[in-house]
Protein backbone atom coordinates (compact mmCIF):
# COMPACT_ATOMS: atom_id res chain seq x y z
CA MET A 1 53.98 237.10 423.74
CA ASN A 2 57.56 236.45 424.67
CA ARG A 3 56.70 232.95 425.44
CA HIS A 4 55.11 232.39 421.88
CA VAL A 5 58.68 234.02 420.28
CA ILE A 6 60.59 231.87 422.67
CA THR A 7 58.62 228.93 421.66
CA ILE A 8 59.06 229.57 417.64
CA GLY A 9 62.70 230.30 418.34
CA ALA A 10 63.12 226.96 420.00
CA ILE A 11 61.26 225.11 417.04
CA LEU A 12 63.46 227.01 414.57
CA LEU A 13 66.60 226.18 416.50
CA ALA A 14 65.59 222.58 416.79
CA SER A 15 64.89 222.40 412.81
CA GLY A 16 68.35 223.67 412.20
CA PHE A 17 67.14 227.19 411.24
CA ILE A 18 69.05 230.04 412.99
CA SER A 19 66.59 232.24 414.94
CA LEU A 20 66.96 235.71 416.67
CA PRO A 21 64.34 237.39 419.10
CA ASN A 22 61.05 238.20 417.28
CA SER A 23 62.09 237.73 413.85
CA THR A 24 63.20 235.54 411.35
CA SER A 25 63.60 234.78 407.27
CA ALA A 26 64.32 232.12 405.13
CA SER A 27 65.27 231.15 401.46
CA THR A 28 64.80 228.34 398.89
CA ARG A 29 65.51 227.66 395.36
CA LEU A 30 64.20 225.24 392.94
CA SER A 31 67.57 223.40 391.54
CA SER A 32 69.57 220.65 392.72
CA LYS A 33 70.90 222.79 395.83
CA GLN A 34 68.39 224.16 398.24
CA ALA A 35 69.33 226.45 401.25
CA PRO A 36 66.57 227.19 403.80
CA ARG A 37 67.90 229.27 406.28
CA ALA A 38 66.39 231.80 408.85
CA ILE A 39 67.94 235.04 410.39
CA GLN A 40 66.82 238.03 412.17
CA VAL A 41 64.90 240.79 410.56
CA ALA A 42 62.96 242.48 413.28
CA GLN A 43 59.60 244.63 414.23
CA SER A 44 56.55 247.61 412.84
CA THR A 45 53.44 249.33 414.06
CA THR A 46 51.42 251.06 411.02
CA VAL A 47 51.62 248.99 407.82
CA ASN A 48 51.06 250.24 404.27
CA ILE A 49 51.46 246.91 402.37
CA ALA A 50 51.86 248.39 398.91
CA THR A 51 54.46 251.08 400.05
CA ILE A 52 56.21 247.96 401.62
CA GLU A 53 56.24 245.97 398.46
CA ARG A 54 57.44 248.78 396.48
CA SER A 55 60.23 249.54 398.72
CA ILE A 56 61.62 245.97 398.75
CA PHE A 57 61.36 246.03 394.98
CA ASP A 58 63.23 249.02 394.76
CA GLN A 59 65.97 248.11 397.27
CA ILE A 60 66.54 244.94 395.70
CA ASN A 61 66.93 246.49 392.34
CA GLN A 62 69.06 249.12 393.56
CA TYR A 63 71.38 246.37 395.27
CA ARG A 64 71.61 244.30 391.97
CA ALA A 65 72.58 247.44 390.09
CA SER A 66 75.34 248.25 392.59
CA LYS A 67 76.64 244.62 391.71
CA GLY A 68 76.43 244.99 387.98
CA LEU A 69 73.60 242.75 387.68
CA SER A 70 70.41 243.39 385.66
CA LYS A 71 67.50 244.79 387.29
CA LEU A 72 64.43 242.65 387.87
CA THR A 73 60.97 243.18 386.17
CA ARG A 74 58.09 242.96 388.83
CA ASN A 75 55.13 240.36 387.62
CA THR A 76 51.83 240.84 388.99
CA LYS A 77 51.22 237.21 388.75
CA ILE A 78 54.32 236.57 390.58
CA ASP A 79 53.27 239.35 393.04
CA ASN A 80 49.76 237.33 393.39
CA GLN A 81 51.53 234.08 394.45
CA ALA A 82 54.15 235.82 396.95
CA ARG A 83 51.24 237.94 398.31
CA THR A 84 48.89 234.64 398.95
CA HIS A 85 51.89 233.06 400.61
CA SER A 86 52.60 235.96 402.86
CA GLN A 87 48.87 236.27 403.89
CA ASN A 88 48.43 232.31 404.54
CA MET A 89 51.83 232.59 406.94
CA ALA A 90 50.12 235.58 408.66
CA ASN A 91 46.81 234.36 409.22
CA GLY A 92 48.34 231.01 410.41
CA LYS A 93 46.89 228.53 407.58
CA ILE A 94 50.62 227.59 406.97
CA PRO A 95 53.55 227.95 408.97
CA PHE A 96 56.41 230.04 408.52
CA SER A 97 58.19 228.02 405.72
CA HIS A 98 58.66 227.64 402.02
CA GLN A 99 55.64 224.96 401.96
CA ASP A 100 54.47 224.05 398.62
CA PHE A 101 56.87 226.50 396.79
CA SER A 102 57.21 224.25 393.56
CA ASN A 103 53.08 224.45 393.51
CA ARG A 104 53.34 228.40 394.09
CA VAL A 105 55.92 228.72 391.25
CA LYS A 106 53.76 226.28 388.99
CA SER A 107 50.55 228.24 389.58
CA ILE A 108 52.08 231.71 388.24
CA GLY A 109 51.45 229.72 384.72
CA ILE A 110 54.74 231.09 383.12
CA ALA A 111 57.67 229.00 381.65
CA TYR A 112 60.70 229.23 383.60
CA ASN A 113 64.05 227.51 384.15
CA GLY A 114 65.04 228.84 387.52
CA ALA A 115 63.04 229.81 390.65
CA ALA A 116 63.83 231.00 394.13
CA GLU A 117 62.12 232.44 397.08
CA ASN A 118 63.07 234.38 400.22
CA ILE A 119 60.64 234.87 403.17
CA ALA A 120 60.87 236.70 406.24
CA TYR A 121 58.42 238.04 409.43
CA ASN A 122 59.10 240.89 411.48
CA GLN A 123 57.21 243.13 414.05
CA GLY A 124 57.96 246.56 415.74
CA TYR A 125 60.27 248.38 413.05
CA LYS A 126 59.79 251.72 411.51
CA ASP A 127 60.88 250.67 408.30
CA PRO A 128 60.14 246.91 407.96
CA ALA A 129 61.19 246.53 404.34
CA THR A 130 64.70 247.98 404.94
CA GLN A 131 64.95 245.42 407.97
CA ALA A 132 63.72 242.56 405.96
CA VAL A 133 66.13 243.39 402.91
CA GLN A 134 69.05 244.10 405.07
CA GLY A 135 68.47 240.59 406.91
CA TRP A 136 68.38 238.84 403.50
CA LEU A 137 71.42 240.60 402.44
CA LYS A 138 73.28 239.30 405.56
CA SER A 139 72.40 235.70 404.82
CA GLN A 140 74.47 233.61 402.18
CA GLY A 141 71.18 231.89 401.04
CA HIS A 142 69.13 234.87 400.83
CA LYS A 143 71.85 236.95 399.16
CA GLN A 144 72.46 234.23 396.49
CA ASN A 145 68.82 234.40 395.66
CA ILE A 146 68.97 238.12 395.49
CA GLU A 147 71.87 238.04 393.13
CA GLY A 148 70.89 235.12 391.01
CA ASN A 149 70.28 234.70 387.26
CA TYR A 150 66.70 235.91 387.56
CA SER A 151 64.87 238.27 385.22
CA GLN A 152 61.50 238.57 387.02
CA THR A 153 60.17 239.11 390.80
CA GLY A 154 56.95 239.23 392.63
CA ILE A 155 56.69 240.53 396.29
CA GLY A 156 53.87 239.93 398.76
CA VAL A 157 53.39 241.58 402.20
CA ALA A 158 50.94 240.73 404.78
CA ALA A 159 50.12 241.66 408.41
CA ASN A 160 48.21 240.15 410.86
CA SER A 161 46.22 241.27 414.05
CA LYS A 162 49.30 240.86 416.31
CA GLY A 163 51.46 243.46 414.15
CA GLU A 164 53.51 240.47 412.74
CA ILE A 165 54.46 241.38 409.06
CA TYR A 166 55.17 238.36 406.44
CA PHE A 167 57.34 238.98 403.40
CA THR A 168 57.44 236.68 400.52
CA GLU A 169 59.82 237.38 397.45
CA ILE A 170 59.95 235.16 394.51
CA PHE A 171 62.45 235.03 391.87
CA ILE A 172 61.91 233.88 388.48
CA ASN A 173 64.24 233.45 385.29
CA ASN A 174 62.23 232.81 382.11
CA LYS A 175 64.83 233.54 379.73
């Protein structure tokens, strides 16, 4: 396990990502500026996916409200795309990345004029949702997505047999 984490860390470091042990996250936006990054998120044991997704949604909206920003509306079509992406990363179909982000957003089937995505994974934490959100808030690129001019969001979480939990949050502005 440690050898696998070190290998992943080395790959992330070599790719220009910042990586800390046993966890990471990344963000991206569909705009002229893209800021993929990776940061520490952490570790968990028992996983209730719906509870984790709801917790992330609530924490993001609480943070936005504390900054005087409008709350996001959760959209099940966006949730489905986010969840599929997390499942694909968790089961190894795709690497931990924003691979095919623009196709994911187009597949949602709603008109939009801005979109962004934050991803993370962690393992072994009692409260994996809070670890993911706090990690995103400590990263400028992720924080920009969270504070961005978006009206809707979708959150998808998936876990694998190793206990790794993958998180995807997609932000959409369709106003």
